[in-house]
């Protein structure tokens, strides 16, 4: 489904990704870990088509189509969704109106049916109906922002969900419900690419399903099963880097 081939990416002339290759098949659950500055978030944002990131060489394929030159809206139409590390506030736009528009455009449902779907699904993520009439992310805590991103994902059910550090700035209770809903999406067929530094969220997920990649200096230097997470937790990244000669 997703193929990232020998990708070189720069930001404002500075090389960030340096020949990265990654493949995610339908329904798989991939985790990308690595120290700060290794290029994890750049990978997520580049796949989603963020205009700040310049692809110098290599390509990104999705369902066999080269999407390297497509903008974020076109990639979203093809089934790619990015849940941001720091979701932005959108003053003047109410959550319910935003999500209704998303459902009407992506699922073709009428606004009344969309409203009912949103309210029902929002309850599963601890949002009351009155919360949905607030402006998008305005005055929201970190946990609320991440839960709202996940609500959008649950409603549209993307082919590929990219999560950029969903455990960053989130309290324990929110982390628990976020983890459950990510697994629910995965069980319903969404492929997941989860970016994390500390790995807090991985303690709430079924590690047997995971394919784990470790990044350093813009490249994936090691790939393994969920057991690789346990090694990182006990030994840190440095031991992994020593083994692979980095």
Foldseek 3Di string as FASTA:
>chain_A
DKWWAQWWKDAPPHTQAGGATDDFDWLAEEEEEEAPSLCLVVVLCQLLAPPRIDTPDTFMDDPRHTCNPPHNVVSVLQFEAEQDQDDDFDPPAFQLNVQLVVCCVQVVDDSVVSSVVLQVLVVLQVDHSVNRRDGQPVVDFLLVNLSSSLSSCVSRLGQEYEYEASVPRHDPVSLLSSLVSVVVSSVVTRYYYYYHYPCPSVVNHDQQRYWYFYGGRNYTQDIDGSVVVVCCVVPNCVVVCVVSVD
